[in-house]
Every structure is written in C-alpha cells, then in structure tokens.
N, C-alpha and C. Protein backbone atom coordinates (compact mmCIF):
# COMPACT_ATOMS: atom_id res chain seq x y z
N MET A 1 -62.63 44.62 -34.26
CA MET A 1 -62.33 45.95 -33.69
C MET A 1 -62.73 46.53 -32.42
N ARG A 2 -62.76 45.24 -31.35
CA ARG A 2 -62.79 45.25 -29.92
C ARG A 2 -62.08 44.54 -30.05
N THR A 3 -60.70 43.52 -30.27
CA THR A 3 -59.21 43.47 -30.24
C THR A 3 -58.71 44.56 -30.46
N VAL A 4 -58.78 46.25 -30.97
CA VAL A 4 -58.35 47.40 -31.61
C VAL A 4 -58.21 47.87 -30.29
N ALA A 5 -59.59 48.06 -29.88
CA ALA A 5 -60.13 48.69 -28.71
C ALA A 5 -59.20 48.57 -27.41
N SER A 6 -59.54 46.91 -26.92
CA SER A 6 -58.04 46.34 -26.11
C SER A 6 -56.95 46.89 -26.37
N VAL A 7 -56.73 46.65 -26.94
CA VAL A 7 -54.54 46.85 -27.93
C VAL A 7 -54.97 47.89 -27.62
N MET A 8 -55.74 49.55 -27.23
CA MET A 8 -55.44 50.64 -27.95
C MET A 8 -56.06 51.21 -25.52
N LEU A 9 -56.50 50.32 -25.58
CA LEU A 9 -57.31 50.64 -24.02
C LEU A 9 -55.99 50.01 -22.87
N ALA A 10 -54.81 49.03 -23.45
CA ALA A 10 -54.05 48.40 -22.88
C ALA A 10 -52.61 49.69 -22.85
N SER A 11 -52.67 49.59 -24.05
CA SER A 11 -51.08 50.76 -24.32
C SER A 11 -51.72 51.94 -23.71
N GLY A 12 -52.73 52.69 -23.26
CA GLY A 12 -52.89 54.01 -22.82
C GLY A 12 -52.82 53.53 -21.39
N CYS A 13 -52.83 52.91 -20.82
CA CYS A 13 -53.27 52.25 -19.36
C CYS A 13 -51.49 52.32 -19.21
N LEU A 14 -50.63 52.06 -20.53
CA LEU A 14 -49.38 51.79 -20.20
C LEU A 14 -49.18 52.80 -20.19
N LEU A 15 -48.67 53.74 -20.53
CA LEU A 15 -48.72 54.87 -20.97
C LEU A 15 -48.42 55.62 -20.03
N ALA A 16 -50.14 55.88 -19.26
CA ALA A 16 -50.26 56.25 -17.77
C ALA A 16 -49.73 55.81 -16.98
N ALA A 17 -49.33 54.70 -16.92
CA ALA A 17 -48.40 54.59 -15.83
C ALA A 17 -46.77 55.42 -15.66
N LEU A 18 -46.48 55.03 -16.64
CA LEU A 18 -44.98 55.26 -17.53
C LEU A 18 -45.34 56.68 -16.63
N PHE A 19 -46.05 57.80 -17.11
CA PHE A 19 -45.86 59.07 -16.57
C PHE A 19 -46.23 59.12 -15.44
N THR A 20 -46.90 57.95 -14.93
CA THR A 20 -47.65 58.60 -13.35
C THR A 20 -46.69 58.57 -12.19
N VAL A 21 -46.02 57.49 -12.53
CA VAL A 21 -45.26 56.40 -11.53
C VAL A 21 -43.85 56.68 -11.72
N PRO A 22 -43.39 58.21 -11.11
CA PRO A 22 -41.76 58.55 -11.30
C PRO A 22 -40.74 57.19 -11.22
N THR A 23 -39.94 57.86 -11.78
CA THR A 23 -39.06 56.56 -11.37
C THR A 23 -37.91 57.47 -10.79
N ILE A 24 -36.83 57.33 -9.83
CA ILE A 24 -35.81 58.09 -9.30
C ILE A 24 -34.76 58.62 -10.44
N ALA A 25 -35.04 58.36 -11.33
CA ALA A 25 -34.12 59.16 -12.17
C ALA A 25 -34.61 60.32 -12.73
N ALA A 26 -35.94 59.71 -12.79
CA ALA A 26 -36.83 61.31 -13.25
C ALA A 26 -37.76 62.17 -11.77
N ALA A 27 -37.71 61.93 -11.08
CA ALA A 27 -37.64 62.76 -10.07
C ALA A 27 -36.91 63.21 -9.77
N SER A 28 -35.31 62.55 -9.78
CA SER A 28 -34.28 63.46 -9.11
C SER A 28 -33.55 64.29 -10.37
N GLY A 29 -34.18 65.05 -11.64
CA GLY A 29 -33.60 65.07 -12.83
C GLY A 29 -32.53 66.52 -12.65
N LYS A 30 -32.45 66.52 -11.88
CA LYS A 30 -31.86 67.89 -11.41
C LYS A 30 -30.18 67.76 -10.67
N ALA A 31 -29.32 66.85 -11.03
CA ALA A 31 -27.70 67.09 -10.29
C ALA A 31 -27.51 67.81 -10.17
N ARG A 32 -27.35 68.49 -10.88
CA ARG A 32 -26.72 70.07 -10.41
C ARG A 32 -26.59 70.50 -9.37
N VAL A 33 -25.24 70.92 -9.23
CA VAL A 33 -25.68 71.58 -7.41
C VAL A 33 -25.37 72.83 -7.80
N ASP A 34 -26.44 73.74 -7.86
CA ASP A 34 -26.17 74.68 -7.69
C ASP A 34 -26.05 76.27 -6.49
N GLY A 35 -26.18 77.25 -6.86
CA GLY A 35 -25.16 78.49 -6.17
C GLY A 35 -25.56 78.42 -4.92
N ARG A 36 -26.99 77.99 -4.20
CA ARG A 36 -26.77 78.07 -3.02
C ARG A 36 -26.25 76.79 -1.90
N GLU A 37 -25.81 75.91 -2.67
CA GLU A 37 -26.48 74.52 -2.23
C GLU A 37 -24.69 74.21 -2.15
N ARG A 38 -24.00 75.16 -3.08
CA ARG A 38 -22.44 75.58 -3.37
C ARG A 38 -21.88 76.36 -2.02
N ALA A 39 -23.25 77.17 -1.15
CA ALA A 39 -22.37 77.91 -0.35
C ALA A 39 -22.96 77.19 1.13
N MET A 40 -23.81 76.33 1.06
CA MET A 40 -24.10 75.30 2.08
C MET A 40 -22.10 74.20 2.49
N VAL A 41 -22.23 74.09 0.79
CA VAL A 41 -21.08 72.94 1.51
C VAL A 41 -19.85 73.64 1.79
N ARG A 42 -19.92 75.28 1.39
CA ARG A 42 -17.96 75.90 1.70
C ARG A 42 -18.63 76.10 3.14
N GLY A 43 -20.34 76.84 3.57
CA GLY A 43 -20.35 76.30 5.04
C GLY A 43 -19.80 75.57 6.08
N ILE A 44 -20.23 74.57 5.79
CA ILE A 44 -19.93 72.98 6.25
C ILE A 44 -18.15 73.45 5.95
N ASN A 45 -17.51 72.94 4.96
CA ASN A 45 -16.33 73.12 4.76
C ASN A 45 -15.06 74.19 5.43
N ASN A 46 -15.79 75.45 5.67
CA ASN A 46 -15.52 75.69 6.37
C ASN A 46 -15.17 75.68 8.09
N GLN A 47 -16.75 75.58 8.16
CA GLN A 47 -17.18 74.67 9.77
C GLN A 47 -15.91 73.97 10.15
N ARG A 48 -15.58 72.72 9.02
CA ARG A 48 -14.43 71.42 9.60
C ARG A 48 -13.43 71.47 9.60
N ALA A 49 -13.34 72.83 8.75
CA ALA A 49 -11.36 73.78 8.79
C ALA A 49 -11.33 74.12 9.82
N ARG A 50 -12.41 74.89 10.72
CA ARG A 50 -12.10 75.73 11.84
C ARG A 50 -12.01 74.53 12.87
N HIS A 51 -11.99 73.41 12.34
CA HIS A 51 -12.29 71.96 13.71
C HIS A 51 -10.93 70.96 13.23
N GLY A 52 -10.02 71.47 12.62
CA GLY A 52 -8.82 70.44 12.08
C GLY A 52 -9.56 69.32 11.10
N LEU A 53 -10.65 69.31 10.33
CA LEU A 53 -11.18 68.45 9.46
C LEU A 53 -10.93 69.42 8.42
N ALA A 54 -10.00 68.01 7.52
CA ALA A 54 -10.52 68.04 5.93
C ALA A 54 -11.99 68.26 4.99
N SER A 55 -12.00 68.59 3.44
CA SER A 55 -13.20 69.54 3.10
C SER A 55 -13.37 68.44 2.72
N VAL A 56 -15.33 68.63 2.86
CA VAL A 56 -15.90 67.43 2.35
C VAL A 56 -16.10 68.05 0.75
N ARG A 57 -16.30 66.25 -0.70
CA ARG A 57 -16.07 66.40 -1.66
C ARG A 57 -17.61 65.99 -2.34
N ILE A 58 -17.73 67.36 -3.34
CA ILE A 58 -19.27 66.66 -3.68
C ILE A 58 -19.24 65.04 -5.07
N SER A 59 -19.97 64.82 -4.13
CA SER A 59 -20.60 63.57 -5.31
C SER A 59 -21.64 63.85 -5.69
N SER A 60 -21.62 63.20 -7.17
CA SER A 60 -22.71 63.47 -7.94
C SER A 60 -23.73 62.43 -7.92
N ARG A 61 -23.35 61.46 -7.31
CA ARG A 61 -24.07 59.75 -7.08
C ARG A 61 -24.91 60.65 -5.31
N LEU A 62 -23.77 61.17 -4.65
CA LEU A 62 -24.48 61.71 -3.05
C LEU A 62 -25.89 62.88 -3.64
N ALA A 63 -25.82 63.55 -4.33
CA ALA A 63 -26.75 64.69 -4.86
C ALA A 63 -27.45 64.60 -5.08
N HIS A 64 -27.93 63.05 -6.25
CA HIS A 64 -28.86 62.77 -6.77
C HIS A 64 -29.33 62.02 -5.92
N ALA A 65 -28.94 61.03 -4.41
CA ALA A 65 -29.78 60.58 -3.63
C ALA A 65 -30.13 61.84 -3.01
N ALA A 66 -29.59 62.83 -2.20
CA ALA A 66 -30.10 63.55 -1.31
C ALA A 66 -31.58 64.51 -2.29
N ASP A 67 -30.97 64.52 -4.00
CA ASP A 67 -32.50 65.35 -4.42
C ASP A 67 -33.12 64.55 -4.35
N TYR A 68 -33.16 63.43 -4.54
CA TYR A 68 -34.48 62.21 -4.54
C TYR A 68 -35.21 62.27 -3.13
N HIS A 69 -34.00 63.02 -2.30
CA HIS A 69 -34.72 62.65 -1.09
C HIS A 69 -35.75 63.83 -0.65
N SER A 70 -35.28 64.91 -0.68
CA SER A 70 -35.97 66.63 -0.68
C SER A 70 -36.50 66.70 -1.85
N TRP A 71 -37.11 65.79 -2.86
CA TRP A 71 -38.16 65.27 -4.07
C TRP A 71 -39.05 65.39 -3.38
N GLU A 72 -39.14 64.07 -2.96
CA GLU A 72 -39.57 62.90 -1.48
C GLU A 72 -40.58 63.39 -1.00
N MET A 73 -39.76 63.79 0.00
CA MET A 73 -40.79 64.60 0.88
C MET A 73 -41.40 65.98 0.38
N LEU A 74 -41.49 66.77 -0.36
CA LEU A 74 -42.11 68.00 -1.00
C LEU A 74 -43.60 67.05 -1.94
N HIS A 75 -42.98 66.23 -2.41
CA HIS A 75 -44.62 65.37 -3.08
C HIS A 75 -44.88 64.37 -2.14
N ALA A 76 -44.22 64.14 -0.97
CA ALA A 76 -45.23 63.43 -0.47
C ALA A 76 -46.29 63.80 1.51
N ASP A 77 -45.71 64.80 1.26
CA ASP A 77 -45.38 66.21 2.77
C ASP A 77 -45.82 65.21 3.40
N TYR A 78 -43.80 65.39 3.75
CA TYR A 78 -43.89 64.91 4.73
C TYR A 78 -42.53 65.27 4.65
N PHE A 79 -41.75 65.08 6.14
CA PHE A 79 -40.62 66.03 7.10
C PHE A 79 -39.72 64.65 7.45
N ASP A 80 -38.62 63.75 6.97
CA ASP A 80 -38.05 62.72 8.11
C ASP A 80 -37.36 62.13 7.43
N HIS A 81 -36.34 61.90 8.08
CA HIS A 81 -35.22 60.79 7.34
C HIS A 81 -35.71 59.43 6.14
N ALA A 82 -36.38 59.07 7.39
CA ALA A 82 -37.20 57.48 6.32
C ALA A 82 -37.42 58.27 5.27
N SER A 83 -37.64 56.99 4.29
CA SER A 83 -38.50 57.58 2.92
C SER A 83 -39.98 57.13 3.24
N ARG A 84 -41.40 57.68 2.40
CA ARG A 84 -42.49 57.79 2.82
C ARG A 84 -42.42 56.54 2.52
N ASN A 85 -41.70 55.67 2.57
CA ASN A 85 -42.19 54.05 2.44
C ASN A 85 -41.71 53.57 3.55
N GLY A 86 -40.86 54.73 4.48
CA GLY A 86 -40.94 53.67 5.82
C GLY A 86 -39.18 53.16 5.31
N GLU A 87 -38.54 53.03 4.08
CA GLU A 87 -37.17 52.70 4.42
C GLU A 87 -36.42 52.98 5.29
N SER A 88 -35.23 52.66 5.26
CA SER A 88 -33.83 53.63 6.31
C SER A 88 -33.50 54.62 5.67
N PHE A 89 -32.60 56.18 5.75
CA PHE A 89 -32.10 56.70 5.35
C PHE A 89 -30.61 55.96 3.71
N ASP A 90 -30.29 54.74 5.01
CA ASP A 90 -28.68 54.73 4.21
C ASP A 90 -29.19 54.27 3.31
N ARG A 91 -30.11 52.79 3.59
CA ARG A 91 -30.80 51.93 2.42
C ARG A 91 -30.94 52.82 1.08
N ARG A 92 -32.14 53.86 1.35
CA ARG A 92 -31.98 54.77 0.29
C ARG A 92 -30.58 55.51 -1.18
N VAL A 93 -29.56 55.58 0.08
CA VAL A 93 -28.81 56.67 -0.34
C VAL A 93 -27.89 55.35 -1.15
N ARG A 94 -27.92 53.85 -0.34
CA ARG A 94 -27.38 53.08 -1.41
C ARG A 94 -27.40 52.00 -2.18
N ARG A 95 -29.16 53.02 -2.81
CA ARG A 95 -29.72 52.78 -3.89
C ARG A 95 -28.58 53.93 -5.32
N PHE A 96 -28.48 54.60 -4.44
CA PHE A 96 -27.62 55.94 -4.97
C PHE A 96 -25.69 55.35 -5.46
N ALA A 97 -25.17 55.60 -3.93
CA ALA A 97 -23.43 55.25 -4.03
C ALA A 97 -24.10 54.21 -2.61
N ASN A 98 -23.29 53.34 -3.29
CA ASN A 98 -22.63 52.26 -1.29
C ASN A 98 -21.44 52.89 -1.03
N HIS A 99 -21.32 53.32 0.06
CA HIS A 99 -20.39 53.50 0.94
C HIS A 99 -20.05 53.04 1.73
N ARG A 100 -19.06 52.95 2.61
CA ARG A 100 -19.53 51.57 4.04
C ARG A 100 -20.11 53.01 5.36
N ALA A 101 -19.74 53.72 5.65
CA ALA A 101 -19.75 54.95 6.47
C ALA A 101 -21.17 55.74 5.74
N LEU A 102 -22.36 56.23 5.99
CA LEU A 102 -23.42 57.29 5.57
C LEU A 102 -23.94 57.87 7.14
N GLY A 103 -24.22 59.85 6.82
CA GLY A 103 -24.49 60.23 7.88
C GLY A 103 -26.26 61.52 6.54
N GLU A 104 -26.89 61.83 7.87
CA GLU A 104 -27.71 62.24 6.89
C GLU A 104 -28.33 64.08 7.80
N THR A 105 -28.23 64.83 6.54
CA THR A 105 -29.31 65.86 7.88
C THR A 105 -30.35 66.18 6.91
N LEU A 106 -30.83 66.63 8.13
CA LEU A 106 -32.35 67.88 6.84
C LEU A 106 -32.81 68.91 7.24
N ALA A 107 -32.55 69.76 6.51
CA ALA A 107 -33.33 71.09 7.08
C ALA A 107 -34.89 72.10 6.55
N MET A 108 -34.99 72.31 7.08
CA MET A 108 -36.54 72.95 6.32
C MET A 108 -36.59 74.65 6.90
N LEU A 109 -36.66 75.48 6.21
CA LEU A 109 -37.01 77.05 5.98
C LEU A 109 -38.09 76.81 5.27
N GLY A 110 -38.85 78.04 5.87
CA GLY A 110 -40.05 78.70 4.96
C GLY A 110 -39.77 79.34 3.94
N GLY A 111 -38.43 79.68 3.52
CA GLY A 111 -38.38 79.17 1.73
C GLY A 111 -37.21 79.97 1.41
N CYS A 112 -35.86 79.47 1.04
CA CYS A 112 -34.84 79.46 0.04
C CYS A 112 -34.65 81.13 -0.33
N LYS A 113 -33.57 81.46 0.50
CA LYS A 113 -33.55 83.23 0.53
C LYS A 113 -32.35 83.58 0.24
N ARG A 114 -31.91 85.23 0.03
CA ARG A 114 -30.95 84.72 0.38
C ARG A 114 -29.89 85.23 1.39
N GLY A 115 -29.63 84.21 2.17
CA GLY A 115 -28.56 84.44 3.51
C GLY A 115 -28.80 82.20 3.66
N SER A 116 -29.77 81.74 2.89
CA SER A 116 -31.05 80.75 3.60
C SER A 116 -29.58 80.01 3.78
N ALA A 117 -28.25 79.71 2.42
CA ALA A 117 -27.28 78.69 3.05
C ALA A 117 -26.49 79.21 4.77
N ARG A 118 -26.20 80.01 4.70
CA ARG A 118 -26.02 80.21 5.97
C ARG A 118 -26.43 79.49 7.29
N GLN A 119 -28.02 80.58 7.07
CA GLN A 119 -28.74 80.00 8.05
C GLN A 119 -28.65 78.43 8.43
N ILE A 120 -29.08 77.70 6.96
CA ILE A 120 -28.60 76.31 7.71
C ILE A 120 -27.24 75.33 8.54
N VAL A 121 -26.19 76.26 7.66
CA VAL A 121 -25.28 75.72 8.02
C VAL A 121 -25.27 76.45 9.67
N ARG A 122 -25.68 77.48 10.22
CA ARG A 122 -26.14 77.15 11.99
C ARG A 122 -26.85 76.05 12.65
N MET A 123 -27.90 76.53 12.07
CA MET A 123 -28.42 75.70 12.76
C MET A 123 -28.27 73.88 13.14
N TRP A 124 -28.19 73.61 11.62
CA TRP A 124 -27.22 72.33 11.36
C TRP A 124 -25.89 72.29 12.98
N MET A 125 -25.23 73.42 13.36
CA MET A 125 -23.61 73.00 14.13
C MET A 125 -24.69 73.60 15.11
N ASP A 126 -26.16 74.55 15.51
CA ASP A 126 -26.10 74.46 16.65
C ASP A 126 -27.38 73.52 16.86
N SER A 127 -26.80 72.19 16.13
CA SER A 127 -28.34 70.79 16.89
C SER A 127 -26.89 69.35 17.04
N PRO A 128 -26.73 69.53 18.17
CA PRO A 128 -25.27 68.18 19.07
C PRO A 128 -25.52 67.31 17.60
N GLY A 129 -26.61 66.88 17.06
CA GLY A 129 -27.07 65.61 16.42
C GLY A 129 -26.00 65.86 14.87
N HIS A 130 -27.00 67.28 14.56
CA HIS A 130 -26.32 67.41 12.97
C HIS A 130 -24.55 68.16 13.05
N ARG A 131 -23.79 67.91 14.35
CA ARG A 131 -22.55 69.01 14.39
C ARG A 131 -22.18 68.13 14.37
N ALA A 132 -22.33 66.65 14.94
CA ALA A 132 -21.78 65.38 14.97
C ALA A 132 -21.59 65.26 13.07
N ILE A 133 -22.22 65.17 12.66
CA ILE A 133 -22.31 64.63 11.27
C ILE A 133 -21.72 65.65 10.68
N LEU A 134 -21.79 66.74 10.33
CA LEU A 134 -20.66 67.52 10.00
C LEU A 134 -19.78 67.52 10.39
N LEU A 135 -19.72 67.53 11.06
CA LEU A 135 -17.41 67.41 12.03
C LEU A 135 -17.19 65.88 12.25
N SER A 136 -17.73 65.20 11.53
CA SER A 136 -17.36 64.12 11.71
C SER A 136 -16.36 63.51 10.64
N GLY A 137 -14.99 63.15 10.89
CA GLY A 137 -13.55 62.70 10.28
C GLY A 137 -13.04 61.87 9.77
N LYS A 138 -14.71 60.56 9.96
CA LYS A 138 -15.47 59.18 8.57
C LYS A 138 -15.30 60.18 7.72
N PHE A 139 -16.33 61.25 7.19
CA PHE A 139 -16.70 62.30 5.90
C PHE A 139 -16.35 62.47 5.16
N GLN A 140 -16.56 62.28 4.18
CA GLN A 140 -15.38 62.99 2.96
C GLN A 140 -15.93 63.45 1.56
N ARG A 141 -17.27 63.47 1.77
CA ARG A 141 -18.30 63.00 0.25
C ARG A 141 -19.53 63.64 1.40
N ILE A 142 -19.85 64.36 -0.43
CA ILE A 142 -21.52 64.77 0.46
C ILE A 142 -22.03 65.33 -0.57
N GLY A 143 -23.09 65.41 -0.64
CA GLY A 143 -24.94 65.21 -1.80
C GLY A 143 -25.47 66.04 -1.35
N LEU A 144 -25.81 67.13 -1.44
CA LEU A 144 -26.38 68.06 -1.04
C LEU A 144 -27.37 68.86 -2.23
N ALA A 145 -29.29 69.10 -1.71
CA ALA A 145 -29.42 69.15 -2.52
C ALA A 145 -31.03 70.01 -1.39
N LYS A 146 -31.55 70.98 -2.07
CA LYS A 146 -32.37 71.66 -1.47
C LYS A 146 -33.77 72.14 -2.55
N ARG A 147 -35.20 72.43 -1.86
CA ARG A 147 -36.10 71.84 -3.25
C ARG A 147 -37.07 72.81 -2.62
N THR A 148 -37.56 73.18 -3.05
CA THR A 148 -38.78 74.37 -2.50
C THR A 148 -40.18 73.61 -3.35
N GLY A 149 -41.26 74.16 -2.36
CA GLY A 149 -42.44 73.60 -2.15
C GLY A 149 -43.35 74.16 -1.28
N SER A 150 -44.13 72.87 -0.92
CA SER A 150 -45.07 73.10 -0.13
C SER A 150 -44.61 71.98 1.02
N LEU A 151 -44.93 72.58 2.37
CA LEU A 151 -45.41 70.84 3.53
C LEU A 151 -46.49 71.79 4.64
N ASN A 152 -47.51 70.67 5.10
CA ASN A 152 -48.14 71.01 5.65
C ASN A 152 -49.58 72.15 4.54
N GLY A 153 -48.80 73.05 3.62
CA GLY A 153 -49.81 73.94 2.80
C GLY A 153 -48.96 75.30 3.32
N ASN A 154 -47.74 74.87 3.49
CA ASN A 154 -46.82 76.01 3.47
C ASN A 154 -45.66 75.97 3.10
N PRO A 155 -44.89 77.69 2.79
CA PRO A 155 -43.85 77.30 1.64
C PRO A 155 -42.95 76.82 2.06
N ALA A 156 -41.96 75.42 1.62
CA ALA A 156 -40.81 74.86 2.33
C ALA A 156 -40.23 75.49 1.50
N CYS A 157 -38.88 75.48 1.53
CA CYS A 157 -36.81 74.99 1.18
C CYS A 157 -36.67 73.63 2.17
N VAL A 158 -36.56 72.62 1.57
CA VAL A 158 -35.77 71.22 2.11
C VAL A 158 -35.03 70.97 1.12
N VAL A 159 -33.77 71.16 2.35
CA VAL A 159 -32.53 70.44 2.07
C VAL A 159 -32.33 69.12 2.61
N THR A 160 -31.78 68.27 1.60
CA THR A 160 -30.85 66.57 1.98
C THR A 160 -30.15 66.86 2.04
N ALA A 161 -28.63 66.76 2.52
CA ALA A 161 -27.52 66.17 3.22
C ALA A 161 -27.09 65.07 3.32
N ASP A 162 -26.81 64.41 1.86
CA ASP A 162 -25.95 63.29 1.92
C ASP A 162 -24.88 62.85 2.45
N PHE A 163 -23.82 62.27 3.62
CA PHE A 163 -22.37 62.72 4.23
C PHE A 163 -22.12 60.89 4.06
N ALA A 164 -21.14 60.77 3.06
CA ALA A 164 -20.73 59.57 3.40
C ALA A 164 -19.03 59.07 2.88
N SER A 165 -18.89 58.26 3.56
CA SER A 165 -16.69 57.14 3.68
C SER A 165 -16.15 57.91 1.94
N ARG A 166 -15.37 57.85 2.12
CA ARG A 166 -15.11 57.32 0.74
C ARG A 166 -15.15 56.48 -0.44
N LYS A 167 -15.35 55.23 0.56
CA LYS A 167 -15.89 54.17 -0.05
C LYS A 167 -15.81 53.18 1.02
C-alpha cells in the first residue's frame, strides 16, 4: 500500500511538472501570422521598397521565435530584448533558426486595435536603431508575432519582430 501511494505521488508530481513548466513549443503554439501581423510585414516592406530594398519574407521558424519572446515577456511581466533568464536575443532566436545575421525590434502599445500595425511600423521608423534594422539590406527573412495581455498591471499589446539573413 505504501509503495502504491509513493508511485501515485511520484506520478502526480511528474504530471504537475509536465503541465506547469511550459516548453518552447507549448508556449509558442501560435505559429501562424494573423492579419495585423501581416499588415506590419507589409508596412515594413513598403518602407523597404521606398528605400530601394528587397522585401523580407515571412519565416515560420522566426515567427515561432518572435511568438515565444512575446509570450515570455507577458508571462514574466517584463519588456526587453534579453530573455527572462538573461539570455541574449540572438541566442534565443538561434534555438529556433540558425542564421548568420540577426536583428530584433520590439514594440508595446496599450492594445492591438485597428491601425496598430501602421502605428507600430511608424514607431520603429521614427527610432534610429529600429529604423536601421528595418532598412538593413542584410535581412531577407522576418518572423513577427503580437501577443496581448498585461505588463505591470496595464493592458499591453507586445510585438516582437525577428529579422535574419537568408542563412
């Protein structure tokens, strides 16, 4: 009887651990790029075209990386390029897709509303560092993900865009 109770307790602990520790795949289960995310990519490509650059193409692996980071920031209640464990953005992205050159832009709004895609691209273009990433000729791929939730108790729409070279 004691052995059965110990096995049941151990099994329960294992199941609890499996369901409470999110894996990368579970946390970033949303791999598809939705309409607002596609609108942001179109806005980025419009800006690139104005500057004589080729369009970036959506990469599902980079979209997974971006989605994981947007989820992680909301889940851990922080906003930064580094992961919550201090890992740099490029090490995090390389867990999903290995490319020579990487870049990342983040944005946060009070909500993902109509017109938010245009607003976010405008915010990035108005920031010299973000603008340099959007208009870099070394990037040909993009993964973009938005998540809604709260940061510091306030409603938030968090967007991560991960850029990469072809390989």
